[in-house]
Amino acid sequence: MSEQPFPLQPGQPGSGQYTPGQPQPYPAPPAPPAKKKRKWPWIVLAVIAFIIVVSVATGGGNKDDAASTAGGTAAQTAAKTDPKAAGLNAAVRDGKFEFVVTGVEPGLSEVGDNPYLAKKAQGQFVIVSMTVKNIGTKPQSFSPSSQKLKDTQGRTFESDSMAQIALGDSDVPVWDNINPGNTVQVKVVFDMPKDATPATIELHDSMFSGGAKVTLK
């Protein structure tokens, strides 16, 4: 005959009952959630790789910049030595004006006959005399300050408005409208270093026009 097992007493392991004074069992803590892998570092690396590939394929832009700079320098050099540029007493046109440069007077230390209005040069005054004709069909404004003088070193000079007012020997000392068909006598005064030699002048019907070049040598 088989023996009957004794029943488990409260508090004994496996009884499933809690006995006061005995430690209460706790369930095992849940496993931490799996960490999500960050995708942004791979996106950044992909963008950087794409930029590098495009830069290599296009040459990085440095060659283009260098070529552009070299082209600009070559254009400036060619412009200063352009044998096709007009000379003195030759008509050139820009916009609505026809210009004829009639003379150049360098090396002036002062301009103006009135001692109270006379203007002294920082270096030397150079006066460029010209005629300006309106070849359009409407009045056109003319300003001596839109004309640019260049020396043999390629430097560009603007006109001296105060010196032009002091000179007083110009139909348009500062600014004025020229009616269609009319021609005015203009003297534009530039203040240049004493050792500078005027080479060319760019004549404009406005400050935004392309300009016409005249050789002063």
N, C-alpha and C. Protein backbone atom coordinates (compact mmCIF):
# COMPACT_ATOMS: atom_id res chain seq x y z
N MET A 1 0.86 -1.19 0.00
CA MET A 1 0.00 0.00 0.00
C MET A 1 0.89 1.23 0.00
N SER A 2 0.58 2.19 -0.90
CA SER A 2 1.41 3.41 -1.00
C SER A 2 1.11 4.34 0.14
N GLU A 3 2.15 5.04 0.53
CA GLU A 3 2.00 5.97 1.64
C GLU A 3 1.44 7.30 1.13
N GLN A 4 0.57 7.91 1.94
CA GLN A 4 0.01 9.23 1.57
C GLN A 4 0.99 10.32 1.99
N PRO A 5 1.28 11.22 1.11
CA PRO A 5 2.20 12.31 1.49
C PRO A 5 1.54 13.24 2.49
N PHE A 6 2.38 13.71 3.37
CA PHE A 6 1.84 14.66 4.35
C PHE A 6 1.50 15.97 3.65
N PRO A 7 0.40 16.58 4.00
CA PRO A 7 0.05 17.87 3.36
C PRO A 7 1.02 18.98 3.78
N LEU A 8 1.26 19.91 2.82
CA LEU A 8 2.18 21.01 3.09
C LEU A 8 1.55 21.97 4.07
N GLN A 9 2.33 22.40 5.02
CA GLN A 9 1.86 23.33 6.02
C GLN A 9 2.01 24.77 5.51
N PRO A 10 1.16 25.63 6.01
CA PRO A 10 1.29 27.05 5.58
C PRO A 10 2.68 27.59 5.90
N GLY A 11 3.25 28.29 4.99
CA GLY A 11 4.59 28.86 5.17
C GLY A 11 5.65 28.00 4.57
N GLN A 12 5.35 26.70 4.32
CA GLN A 12 6.36 25.86 3.71
C GLN A 12 6.47 26.18 2.22
N PRO A 13 7.66 26.01 1.67
CA PRO A 13 7.81 26.27 0.23
C PRO A 13 6.86 25.42 -0.57
N GLY A 14 6.23 26.04 -1.53
CA GLY A 14 5.32 25.31 -2.40
C GLY A 14 3.92 25.26 -1.91
N SER A 15 3.64 25.78 -0.68
CA SER A 15 2.27 25.74 -0.18
C SER A 15 1.39 26.77 -0.85
N GLY A 16 2.02 27.85 -1.38
CA GLY A 16 1.24 28.90 -2.03
C GLY A 16 0.53 29.80 -1.06
N GLN A 17 0.76 29.67 0.22
CA GLN A 17 0.11 30.51 1.21
C GLN A 17 1.16 31.36 1.91
N TYR A 18 0.73 32.57 2.26
CA TYR A 18 1.65 33.48 2.96
C TYR A 18 1.46 33.35 4.45
N THR A 19 2.56 33.20 5.14
CA THR A 19 2.56 33.10 6.60
C THR A 19 3.18 34.36 7.17
N PRO A 20 2.49 34.97 8.12
CA PRO A 20 3.08 36.18 8.71
C PRO A 20 4.46 35.90 9.28
N GLY A 21 5.35 36.89 9.11
CA GLY A 21 6.73 36.73 9.57
C GLY A 21 7.64 36.18 8.51
N GLN A 22 7.09 35.59 7.51
CA GLN A 22 7.91 35.07 6.42
C GLN A 22 8.09 36.14 5.33
N PRO A 23 9.26 36.24 4.69
CA PRO A 23 9.45 37.24 3.62
C PRO A 23 8.54 36.95 2.45
N GLN A 24 7.95 38.05 1.90
CA GLN A 24 7.02 37.90 0.78
C GLN A 24 7.79 37.90 -0.54
N PRO A 25 7.58 36.91 -1.35
CA PRO A 25 8.32 36.88 -2.63
C PRO A 25 7.82 37.97 -3.57
N TYR A 26 8.77 38.58 -4.34
CA TYR A 26 8.42 39.63 -5.33
C TYR A 26 8.62 39.11 -6.74
N PRO A 27 7.79 39.56 -7.66
CA PRO A 27 7.98 39.09 -9.06
C PRO A 27 9.25 39.70 -9.66
N ALA A 28 9.83 39.02 -10.58
CA ALA A 28 11.07 39.48 -11.24
C ALA A 28 10.81 40.75 -12.02
N PRO A 29 11.73 41.75 -11.98
CA PRO A 29 11.52 43.01 -12.73
C PRO A 29 11.46 42.76 -14.23
N PRO A 30 10.63 43.55 -14.93
CA PRO A 30 10.55 43.35 -16.40
C PRO A 30 11.87 43.71 -17.08
N ALA A 31 12.13 43.06 -18.17
CA ALA A 31 13.36 43.33 -18.92
C ALA A 31 13.30 44.72 -19.54
N PRO A 32 14.42 45.50 -19.54
CA PRO A 32 14.42 46.85 -20.12
C PRO A 32 14.13 46.79 -21.61
N PRO A 33 13.42 47.82 -22.14
CA PRO A 33 13.11 47.81 -23.59
C PRO A 33 14.39 47.95 -24.41
N ALA A 34 14.36 47.34 -25.54
CA ALA A 34 15.53 47.39 -26.43
C ALA A 34 15.73 48.80 -26.94
N LYS A 35 16.99 49.30 -26.95
CA LYS A 35 17.30 50.65 -27.42
C LYS A 35 17.15 50.73 -28.93
N LYS A 36 16.53 51.88 -29.35
CA LYS A 36 16.38 52.11 -30.77
C LYS A 36 17.68 52.67 -31.35
N LYS A 37 18.05 52.16 -32.46
CA LYS A 37 19.27 52.64 -33.11
C LYS A 37 19.00 54.00 -33.76
N ARG A 38 19.89 54.93 -33.52
CA ARG A 38 19.75 56.27 -34.10
C ARG A 38 20.13 56.24 -35.58
N LYS A 39 19.28 56.86 -36.37
CA LYS A 39 19.52 56.87 -37.80
C LYS A 39 20.23 58.15 -38.29
N TRP A 40 20.15 59.26 -37.48
CA TRP A 40 20.68 60.52 -37.99
C TRP A 40 22.17 60.51 -38.27
N PRO A 41 23.03 59.77 -37.49
CA PRO A 41 24.46 59.79 -37.88
C PRO A 41 24.69 59.26 -39.29
N TRP A 42 23.92 58.24 -39.68
CA TRP A 42 24.09 57.70 -41.02
C TRP A 42 23.60 58.68 -42.08
N ILE A 43 22.56 59.43 -41.75
CA ILE A 43 22.07 60.43 -42.70
C ILE A 43 23.11 61.52 -42.91
N VAL A 44 23.73 61.98 -41.82
CA VAL A 44 24.76 63.02 -41.91
C VAL A 44 25.94 62.52 -42.74
N LEU A 45 26.38 61.30 -42.47
CA LEU A 45 27.50 60.74 -43.24
C LEU A 45 27.15 60.62 -44.72
N ALA A 46 25.91 60.26 -45.01
CA ALA A 46 25.50 60.14 -46.41
C ALA A 46 25.52 61.49 -47.11
N VAL A 47 25.06 62.55 -46.41
CA VAL A 47 25.07 63.90 -46.99
C VAL A 47 26.50 64.37 -47.25
N ILE A 48 27.39 64.13 -46.27
CA ILE A 48 28.80 64.53 -46.44
C ILE A 48 29.42 63.81 -47.63
N ALA A 49 29.14 62.52 -47.74
CA ALA A 49 29.70 61.75 -48.86
C ALA A 49 29.19 62.28 -50.19
N PHE A 50 27.89 62.68 -50.22
CA PHE A 50 27.31 63.21 -51.46
C PHE A 50 27.98 64.53 -51.85
N ILE A 51 28.22 65.40 -50.85
CA ILE A 51 28.86 66.69 -51.13
C ILE A 51 30.27 66.48 -51.67
N ILE A 52 31.00 65.52 -51.09
CA ILE A 52 32.36 65.25 -51.56
C ILE A 52 32.35 64.78 -53.00
N VAL A 53 31.42 63.88 -53.33
CA VAL A 53 31.34 63.34 -54.69
C VAL A 53 31.03 64.46 -55.70
N VAL A 54 30.07 65.32 -55.34
CA VAL A 54 29.71 66.42 -56.24
C VAL A 54 30.87 67.40 -56.41
N SER A 55 31.58 67.67 -55.31
CA SER A 55 32.72 68.60 -55.38
C SER A 55 33.81 68.06 -56.28
N VAL A 56 34.10 66.76 -56.16
CA VAL A 56 35.13 66.15 -57.00
C VAL A 56 34.70 66.16 -58.46
N ALA A 57 33.40 65.86 -58.69
CA ALA A 57 32.91 65.79 -60.06
C ALA A 57 32.95 67.13 -60.76
N THR A 58 32.71 68.19 -60.01
CA THR A 58 32.69 69.53 -60.61
C THR A 58 34.02 70.25 -60.51
N GLY A 59 35.02 69.65 -59.93
CA GLY A 59 36.33 70.29 -59.85
C GLY A 59 36.50 71.20 -58.69
N GLY A 60 35.52 71.27 -57.78
CA GLY A 60 35.65 72.04 -56.55
C GLY A 60 35.45 73.52 -56.70
N GLY A 61 35.29 74.03 -57.93
CA GLY A 61 35.01 75.45 -58.12
C GLY A 61 36.26 76.32 -58.11
N ASN A 62 37.37 75.83 -57.56
CA ASN A 62 38.56 76.67 -57.48
C ASN A 62 39.11 76.99 -58.86
N LYS A 63 39.07 75.96 -59.74
CA LYS A 63 39.59 76.19 -61.07
C LYS A 63 38.74 77.21 -61.81
N ASP A 64 37.40 77.11 -61.61
CA ASP A 64 36.53 78.07 -62.27
C ASP A 64 36.79 79.47 -61.77
N ASP A 65 36.97 79.63 -60.43
CA ASP A 65 37.24 80.95 -59.87
C ASP A 65 38.53 81.51 -60.41
N ALA A 66 39.56 80.63 -60.48
CA ALA A 66 40.85 81.08 -60.97
C ALA A 66 40.75 81.50 -62.43
N ALA A 67 39.98 80.69 -63.21
CA ALA A 67 39.82 81.03 -64.62
C ALA A 67 39.07 82.33 -64.78
N SER A 68 38.04 82.54 -63.93
CA SER A 68 37.28 83.78 -64.00
C SER A 68 38.14 84.98 -63.68
N THR A 69 38.99 84.85 -62.62
CA THR A 69 39.87 85.94 -62.24
C THR A 69 40.88 86.24 -63.33
N ALA A 70 41.45 85.16 -63.90
CA ALA A 70 42.42 85.34 -64.96
C ALA A 70 41.78 85.99 -66.17
N GLY A 71 40.52 85.56 -66.48
CA GLY A 71 39.82 86.15 -67.61
C GLY A 71 39.55 87.63 -67.41
N GLY A 72 39.16 88.00 -66.15
CA GLY A 72 38.91 89.40 -65.86
C GLY A 72 40.16 90.24 -65.98
N THR A 73 41.29 89.70 -65.48
CA THR A 73 42.56 90.42 -65.57
C THR A 73 42.97 90.59 -67.01
N ALA A 74 42.79 89.51 -67.80
CA ALA A 74 43.15 89.59 -69.21
C ALA A 74 42.29 90.61 -69.93
N ALA A 75 40.99 90.66 -69.57
CA ALA A 75 40.10 91.63 -70.21
C ALA A 75 40.51 93.05 -69.89
N GLN A 76 40.90 93.30 -68.61
CA GLN A 76 41.33 94.63 -68.24
C GLN A 76 42.60 95.03 -68.99
N THR A 77 43.54 94.08 -69.10
CA THR A 77 44.79 94.36 -69.81
C THR A 77 44.51 94.66 -71.27
N ALA A 78 43.62 93.83 -71.87
CA ALA A 78 43.29 94.03 -73.28
C ALA A 78 42.61 95.38 -73.49
N ALA A 79 41.76 95.76 -72.51
CA ALA A 79 41.06 97.03 -72.64
C ALA A 79 42.03 98.20 -72.61
N LYS A 80 43.06 98.11 -71.78
CA LYS A 80 44.01 99.22 -71.68
C LYS A 80 44.86 99.34 -72.93
N THR A 81 45.05 98.22 -73.66
CA THR A 81 45.90 98.24 -74.83
C THR A 81 45.09 97.99 -76.11
N ASP A 82 43.79 98.19 -76.04
CA ASP A 82 42.93 97.93 -77.18
C ASP A 82 43.24 98.91 -78.31
N PRO A 83 43.74 98.40 -79.44
CA PRO A 83 44.08 99.31 -80.53
C PRO A 83 42.85 99.89 -81.21
N LYS A 84 41.67 99.28 -80.97
CA LYS A 84 40.45 99.76 -81.59
C LYS A 84 39.80 100.90 -80.82
N ALA A 85 40.30 101.20 -79.61
CA ALA A 85 39.72 102.28 -78.82
C ALA A 85 39.89 103.60 -79.55
N ALA A 86 38.88 104.44 -79.48
CA ALA A 86 38.92 105.74 -80.16
C ALA A 86 39.94 106.65 -79.49
N GLY A 87 40.42 107.62 -80.22
CA GLY A 87 41.38 108.58 -79.70
C GLY A 87 40.77 109.96 -79.61
N LEU A 88 41.60 110.96 -79.44
CA LEU A 88 41.14 112.34 -79.35
C LEU A 88 40.47 112.77 -80.65
N ASN A 89 39.44 113.60 -80.52
CA ASN A 89 38.71 114.18 -81.65
C ASN A 89 37.94 113.15 -82.48
N ALA A 90 37.75 111.95 -81.92
CA ALA A 90 36.95 110.92 -82.58
C ALA A 90 35.64 110.76 -81.82
N ALA A 91 34.53 110.66 -82.57
CA ALA A 91 33.22 110.54 -81.94
C ALA A 91 32.97 109.11 -81.46
N VAL A 92 32.47 109.00 -80.23
CA VAL A 92 32.05 107.71 -79.67
C VAL A 92 30.66 107.90 -79.07
N ARG A 93 29.91 106.80 -78.99
CA ARG A 93 28.54 106.90 -78.48
C ARG A 93 28.31 105.93 -77.34
N ASP A 94 27.52 106.39 -76.39
CA ASP A 94 27.04 105.55 -75.30
C ASP A 94 25.64 105.99 -74.95
N GLY A 95 24.68 105.08 -75.09
CA GLY A 95 23.30 105.43 -74.80
C GLY A 95 22.80 106.53 -75.72
N LYS A 96 22.32 107.61 -75.15
CA LYS A 96 21.73 108.71 -75.91
C LYS A 96 22.71 109.83 -76.19
N PHE A 97 24.01 109.63 -75.87
CA PHE A 97 24.99 110.70 -76.05
C PHE A 97 26.08 110.30 -77.05
N GLU A 98 26.54 111.32 -77.75
CA GLU A 98 27.73 111.19 -78.59
C GLU A 98 28.81 112.09 -78.01
N PHE A 99 29.98 111.50 -77.72
CA PHE A 99 31.08 112.23 -77.09
C PHE A 99 32.23 112.43 -78.08
N VAL A 100 32.88 113.57 -77.94
CA VAL A 100 34.14 113.82 -78.66
C VAL A 100 35.10 114.45 -77.66
N VAL A 101 36.16 113.73 -77.31
CA VAL A 101 37.18 114.26 -76.39
C VAL A 101 38.12 115.13 -77.21
N THR A 102 38.25 116.38 -76.81
CA THR A 102 39.02 117.35 -77.59
C THR A 102 40.38 117.71 -77.00
N GLY A 103 40.59 117.37 -75.71
CA GLY A 103 41.89 117.72 -75.12
C GLY A 103 42.05 117.21 -73.69
N VAL A 104 43.32 117.10 -73.27
CA VAL A 104 43.66 116.67 -71.91
C VAL A 104 44.72 117.62 -71.38
N GLU A 105 44.48 118.13 -70.16
CA GLU A 105 45.43 119.07 -69.54
C GLU A 105 45.80 118.54 -68.14
N PRO A 106 46.95 117.90 -68.01
CA PRO A 106 47.38 117.36 -66.71
C PRO A 106 48.28 118.33 -65.95
N GLY A 107 48.64 117.96 -64.73
CA GLY A 107 49.67 118.65 -63.98
C GLY A 107 49.27 119.96 -63.34
N LEU A 108 47.97 120.20 -63.10
CA LEU A 108 47.53 121.44 -62.49
C LEU A 108 47.45 121.29 -60.97
N SER A 109 48.03 122.22 -60.25
CA SER A 109 48.01 122.17 -58.79
C SER A 109 46.78 122.88 -58.21
N GLU A 110 46.11 123.70 -59.02
CA GLU A 110 44.96 124.47 -58.55
C GLU A 110 44.09 124.85 -59.74
N VAL A 111 42.77 124.96 -59.50
CA VAL A 111 41.85 125.41 -60.54
C VAL A 111 40.95 126.50 -59.96
N GLY A 112 40.51 127.42 -60.84
CA GLY A 112 39.61 128.48 -60.40
C GLY A 112 40.29 129.83 -60.39
N ASP A 113 39.66 130.81 -61.05
CA ASP A 113 40.20 132.16 -61.09
C ASP A 113 39.84 132.97 -59.86
N ASN A 114 38.72 132.63 -59.23
CA ASN A 114 38.28 133.35 -58.03
C ASN A 114 39.07 132.83 -56.83
N PRO A 115 39.84 133.70 -56.14
CA PRO A 115 40.65 133.24 -55.01
C PRO A 115 39.83 132.66 -53.87
N TYR A 116 38.56 133.05 -53.80
CA TYR A 116 37.72 132.54 -52.72
C TYR A 116 37.10 131.18 -53.06
N LEU A 117 37.09 130.86 -54.35
CA LEU A 117 36.51 129.58 -54.78
C LEU A 117 37.53 128.61 -55.35
N ALA A 118 38.79 129.07 -55.43
CA ALA A 118 39.81 128.21 -56.02
C ALA A 118 39.97 126.92 -55.21
N LYS A 119 40.30 125.86 -55.90
CA LYS A 119 40.44 124.54 -55.27
C LYS A 119 41.84 124.01 -55.55
N LYS A 120 42.54 123.60 -54.47
CA LYS A 120 43.87 123.02 -54.61
C LYS A 120 43.78 121.51 -54.71
N ALA A 121 44.66 120.94 -55.51
CA ALA A 121 44.64 119.50 -55.74
C ALA A 121 45.36 118.77 -54.60
N GLN A 122 44.88 117.59 -54.30
CA GLN A 122 45.61 116.73 -53.38
C GLN A 122 46.88 116.22 -54.04
N GLY A 123 46.78 115.95 -55.34
CA GLY A 123 47.94 115.55 -56.12
C GLY A 123 48.11 116.50 -57.28
N GLN A 124 47.47 116.16 -58.40
CA GLN A 124 47.43 117.04 -59.58
C GLN A 124 46.03 116.98 -60.18
N PHE A 125 45.58 118.10 -60.68
CA PHE A 125 44.32 118.11 -61.41
C PHE A 125 44.58 117.78 -62.87
N VAL A 126 43.70 116.95 -63.44
CA VAL A 126 43.73 116.64 -64.87
C VAL A 126 42.37 117.02 -65.43
N ILE A 127 42.37 117.92 -66.42
CA ILE A 127 41.13 118.38 -67.03
C ILE A 127 40.97 117.72 -68.39
N VAL A 128 39.84 117.03 -68.57
CA VAL A 128 39.52 116.41 -69.85
C VAL A 128 38.38 117.21 -70.48
N SER A 129 38.66 117.80 -71.64
CA SER A 129 37.66 118.61 -72.36
C SER A 129 36.96 117.75 -73.40
N MET A 130 35.64 117.97 -73.56
CA MET A 130 34.87 117.16 -74.52
C MET A 130 33.60 117.90 -74.91
N THR A 131 33.00 117.43 -76.00
CA THR A 131 31.65 117.86 -76.37
C THR A 131 30.72 116.68 -76.16
N VAL A 132 29.50 117.00 -75.74
CA VAL A 132 28.49 115.97 -75.49
C VAL A 132 27.24 116.36 -76.25
N LYS A 133 26.76 115.47 -77.13
CA LYS A 133 25.56 115.73 -77.93
C LYS A 133 24.48 114.70 -77.61
N ASN A 134 23.26 115.19 -77.44
CA ASN A 134 22.12 114.30 -77.24
C ASN A 134 21.63 113.83 -78.61
N ILE A 135 21.81 112.54 -78.88
CA ILE A 135 21.41 111.98 -80.18
C ILE A 135 20.06 111.27 -80.07
N GLY A 136 19.39 111.38 -78.91
CA GLY A 136 18.09 110.76 -78.72
C GLY A 136 16.96 111.68 -79.12
N THR A 137 15.76 111.30 -78.73
CA THR A 137 14.57 112.08 -79.06
C THR A 137 13.94 112.74 -77.84
N LYS A 138 14.54 112.56 -76.68
CA LYS A 138 14.03 113.14 -75.44
C LYS A 138 15.18 113.76 -74.66
N PRO A 139 14.90 114.69 -73.74
CA PRO A 139 15.96 115.23 -72.89
C PRO A 139 16.64 114.13 -72.10
N GLN A 140 17.95 114.24 -71.98
CA GLN A 140 18.73 113.23 -71.26
C GLN A 140 19.64 113.93 -70.26
N SER A 141 19.65 113.42 -69.02
CA SER A 141 20.50 114.04 -67.99
C SER A 141 21.95 113.63 -68.17
N PHE A 142 22.84 114.60 -67.95
CA PHE A 142 24.28 114.33 -68.05
C PHE A 142 24.95 114.76 -66.74
N SER A 143 25.86 113.92 -66.26
CA SER A 143 26.61 114.22 -65.04
C SER A 143 28.08 113.92 -65.25
N PRO A 144 28.97 114.90 -65.04
CA PRO A 144 30.40 114.63 -65.14
C PRO A 144 30.87 113.54 -64.18
N SER A 145 30.17 113.36 -63.06
CA SER A 145 30.61 112.36 -62.08
C SER A 145 30.44 110.94 -62.59
N SER A 146 29.71 110.74 -63.70
CA SER A 146 29.55 109.40 -64.26
C SER A 146 30.74 109.00 -65.14
N GLN A 147 31.64 109.94 -65.40
CA GLN A 147 32.79 109.67 -66.27
C GLN A 147 33.96 109.16 -65.41
N LYS A 148 34.68 108.15 -65.92
CA LYS A 148 35.75 107.51 -65.17
C LYS A 148 37.08 107.63 -65.92
N LEU A 149 38.08 108.11 -65.20
CA LEU A 149 39.42 108.25 -65.78
C LEU A 149 40.33 107.14 -65.24
N LYS A 150 41.13 106.55 -66.13
CA LYS A 150 42.07 105.51 -65.72
C LYS A 150 43.49 105.94 -66.08
N ASP A 151 44.43 105.55 -65.20
CA ASP A 151 45.83 105.88 -65.49
C ASP A 151 46.54 104.67 -66.07
N THR A 152 47.83 104.81 -66.34
CA THR A 152 48.60 103.73 -66.97
C THR A 152 48.80 102.54 -66.04
N GLN A 153 48.50 102.68 -64.76
CA GLN A 153 48.59 101.57 -63.82
C GLN A 153 47.25 100.84 -63.65
N GLY A 154 46.24 101.25 -64.40
CA GLY A 154 44.94 100.61 -64.33
C GLY A 154 44.06 101.10 -63.20
N ARG A 155 44.45 102.16 -62.51
CA ARG A 155 43.64 102.71 -61.43
C ARG A 155 42.53 103.60 -61.99
N THR A 156 41.38 103.59 -61.33
CA THR A 156 40.21 104.35 -61.77
C THR A 156 39.97 105.55 -60.86
N PHE A 157 39.66 106.70 -61.46
CA PHE A 157 39.45 107.94 -60.71
C PHE A 157 38.10 108.55 -61.05
N GLU A 158 37.44 109.11 -60.02
CA GLU A 158 36.20 109.83 -60.21
C GLU A 158 36.47 111.32 -60.32
N SER A 159 35.51 112.03 -60.87
CA SER A 159 35.70 113.48 -61.03
C SER A 159 35.57 114.19 -59.69
N ASP A 160 36.14 115.37 -59.62
CA ASP A 160 36.10 116.20 -58.42
C ASP A 160 35.06 117.31 -58.64
N SER A 161 33.89 117.16 -58.02
CA SER A 161 32.78 118.10 -58.24
C SER A 161 33.12 119.51 -57.78
N MET A 162 33.78 119.65 -56.63
CA MET A 162 34.12 120.96 -56.12
C MET A 162 35.12 121.66 -57.04
N ALA A 163 36.05 120.90 -57.59
CA ALA A 163 37.01 121.49 -58.52
C ALA A 163 36.32 121.95 -59.79
N GLN A 164 35.30 121.20 -60.23
CA GLN A 164 34.58 121.59 -61.44
C GLN A 164 33.78 122.87 -61.23
N ILE A 165 33.22 123.01 -60.04
CA ILE A 165 32.50 124.24 -59.72
C ILE A 165 33.47 125.42 -59.67
N ALA A 166 34.64 125.18 -59.07
CA ALA A 166 35.65 126.24 -58.98
C ALA A 166 36.18 126.61 -60.36
N LEU A 167 36.28 125.62 -61.24
CA LEU A 167 36.78 125.89 -62.59
C LEU A 167 35.84 126.84 -63.34
N GLY A 168 34.56 126.57 -63.26
CA GLY A 168 33.57 127.48 -63.83
C GLY A 168 33.60 127.60 -65.34
N ASP A 169 34.31 126.75 -66.02
CA ASP A 169 34.45 126.87 -67.48
C ASP A 169 33.86 125.63 -68.15
N SER A 170 32.60 125.33 -67.80
CA SER A 170 31.95 124.14 -68.35
C SER A 170 30.45 124.41 -68.41
N ASP A 171 29.81 123.96 -69.50
CA ASP A 171 28.36 124.14 -69.62
C ASP A 171 27.60 123.31 -68.58
N VAL A 172 28.18 122.19 -68.18
CA VAL A 172 27.53 121.34 -67.18
C VAL A 172 28.57 121.02 -66.10
N PRO A 173 28.71 121.87 -65.07
CA PRO A 173 29.72 121.61 -64.04
C PRO A 173 29.37 120.44 -63.13
N VAL A 174 28.09 120.24 -62.84
CA VAL A 174 27.69 119.17 -61.91
C VAL A 174 26.68 118.22 -62.54
N TRP A 175 25.55 118.76 -63.00
CA TRP A 175 24.49 117.94 -63.58
C TRP A 175 23.52 118.84 -64.31
N ASP A 176 23.00 118.35 -65.46
CA ASP A 176 21.98 119.11 -66.19
C ASP A 176 21.38 118.21 -67.27
N ASN A 177 20.19 118.59 -67.73
CA ASN A 177 19.55 117.90 -68.86
C ASN A 177 20.04 118.52 -70.17
N ILE A 178 20.25 117.66 -71.15
CA ILE A 178 20.60 118.11 -72.49
C ILE A 178 19.45 117.75 -73.41
N ASN A 179 18.89 118.73 -74.10
CA ASN A 179 17.76 118.48 -74.98
C ASN A 179 18.22 117.77 -76.26
N PRO A 180 17.31 117.03 -76.91
CA PRO A 180 17.69 116.28 -78.11
C PRO A 180 18.23 117.20 -79.21
N GLY A 181 19.34 116.79 -79.80
CA GLY A 181 19.99 117.57 -80.86
C GLY A 181 20.97 118.60 -80.38
N ASN A 182 20.95 118.94 -79.08
CA ASN A 182 21.85 119.96 -78.55
C ASN A 182 23.22 119.37 -78.21
N THR A 183 24.25 120.25 -78.29
CA THR A 183 25.62 119.88 -77.95
C THR A 183 26.15 120.85 -76.91
N VAL A 184 26.80 120.34 -75.87
CA VAL A 184 27.36 121.18 -74.81
C VAL A 184 28.87 120.95 -74.73
N GLN A 185 29.56 121.97 -74.22
CA GLN A 185 30.99 121.90 -73.98
C GLN A 185 31.20 121.55 -72.49
N VAL A 186 31.94 120.51 -72.24
CA VAL A 186 32.12 120.03 -70.87
C VAL A 186 33.60 119.86 -70.57
N LYS A 187 33.99 120.27 -69.35
CA LYS A 187 35.33 120.00 -68.85
C LYS A 187 35.19 119.22 -67.54
N VAL A 188 35.76 118.04 -67.53
CA VAL A 188 35.68 117.16 -66.35
C VAL A 188 37.03 117.18 -65.66
N VAL A 189 37.02 117.46 -64.34
CA VAL A 189 38.25 117.61 -63.57
C VAL A 189 38.46 116.39 -62.67
N PHE A 190 39.66 115.83 -62.73
CA PHE A 190 40.03 114.68 -61.90
C PHE A 190 41.23 115.03 -61.03
N ASP A 191 41.24 114.55 -59.81
CA ASP A 191 42.37 114.75 -58.90
C ASP A 191 43.14 113.43 -58.82
N MET A 192 44.37 113.43 -59.37
CA MET A 192 45.18 112.22 -59.46
C MET A 192 46.50 112.43 -58.73
N PRO A 193 47.21 111.35 -58.38
CA PRO A 193 48.55 111.50 -57.81
C PRO A 193 49.48 112.22 -58.79
N LYS A 194 50.47 112.88 -58.25
CA LYS A 194 51.36 113.67 -59.11
C LYS A 194 52.12 112.81 -60.11
N ASP A 195 52.39 111.55 -59.75
CA ASP A 195 53.15 110.70 -60.65
C ASP A 195 52.26 109.87 -61.58
N ALA A 196 50.93 110.09 -61.53
CA ALA A 196 50.01 109.32 -62.36
C ALA A 196 49.93 109.91 -63.76
N THR A 197 49.77 109.03 -64.75
CA THR A 197 49.64 109.46 -66.14
C THR A 197 48.28 109.01 -66.67
N PRO A 198 47.41 109.94 -67.08
CA PRO A 198 46.11 109.54 -67.61
C PRO A 198 46.26 108.72 -68.89
N ALA A 199 45.49 107.63 -68.97
CA ALA A 199 45.61 106.73 -70.12
C ALA A 199 44.32 106.69 -70.94
N THR A 200 43.19 106.42 -70.27
CA THR A 200 41.92 106.32 -70.98
C THR A 200 40.81 106.95 -70.13
N ILE A 201 39.71 107.26 -70.79
CA ILE A 201 38.53 107.74 -70.09
C ILE A 201 37.33 106.94 -70.58
N GLU A 202 36.47 106.54 -69.64
CA GLU A 202 35.23 105.84 -69.96
C GLU A 202 34.09 106.85 -69.88
N LEU A 203 33.39 107.01 -70.97
CA LEU A 203 32.33 108.01 -71.07
C LEU A 203 30.97 107.32 -71.00
N HIS A 204 30.10 107.85 -70.13
CA HIS A 204 28.81 107.21 -69.87
C HIS A 204 27.67 108.22 -70.00
N ASP A 205 26.54 107.76 -70.54
CA ASP A 205 25.35 108.62 -70.54
C ASP A 205 24.62 108.51 -69.22
N SER A 206 24.97 107.51 -68.38
CA SER A 206 24.45 107.39 -67.02
C SER A 206 25.42 106.51 -66.24
N MET A 207 25.25 106.48 -64.93
CA MET A 207 26.17 105.70 -64.11
C MET A 207 25.99 104.21 -64.30
N PHE A 208 24.91 103.76 -64.95
CA PHE A 208 24.66 102.34 -65.14
C PHE A 208 24.91 101.87 -66.57
N SER A 209 25.35 102.77 -67.45
CA SER A 209 25.53 102.39 -68.85
C SER A 209 26.85 101.66 -69.04
N GLY A 210 26.98 101.03 -70.22
CA GLY A 210 28.19 100.26 -70.52
C GLY A 210 29.43 101.11 -70.70
N GLY A 211 29.27 102.30 -71.27
CA GLY A 211 30.41 103.21 -71.43
C GLY A 211 31.11 103.04 -72.76
N ALA A 212 31.78 104.12 -73.19
CA ALA A 212 32.60 104.12 -74.39
C ALA A 212 33.99 104.58 -74.01
N LYS A 213 35.00 103.89 -74.52
CA LYS A 213 36.38 104.16 -74.11
C LYS A 213 37.11 105.03 -75.15
N VAL A 214 37.87 105.98 -74.61
CA VAL A 214 38.69 106.85 -75.46
C VAL A 214 40.10 106.87 -74.89
N THR A 215 41.09 106.67 -75.79
CA THR A 215 42.49 106.71 -75.39
C THR A 215 42.96 108.15 -75.34
N LEU A 216 43.67 108.48 -74.26
CA LEU A 216 44.13 109.87 -74.06
C LEU A 216 45.58 110.06 -74.41
N LYS A 217 46.29 109.05 -74.79
CA LYS A 217 47.71 109.20 -75.13
C LYS A 217 47.87 109.75 -76.55
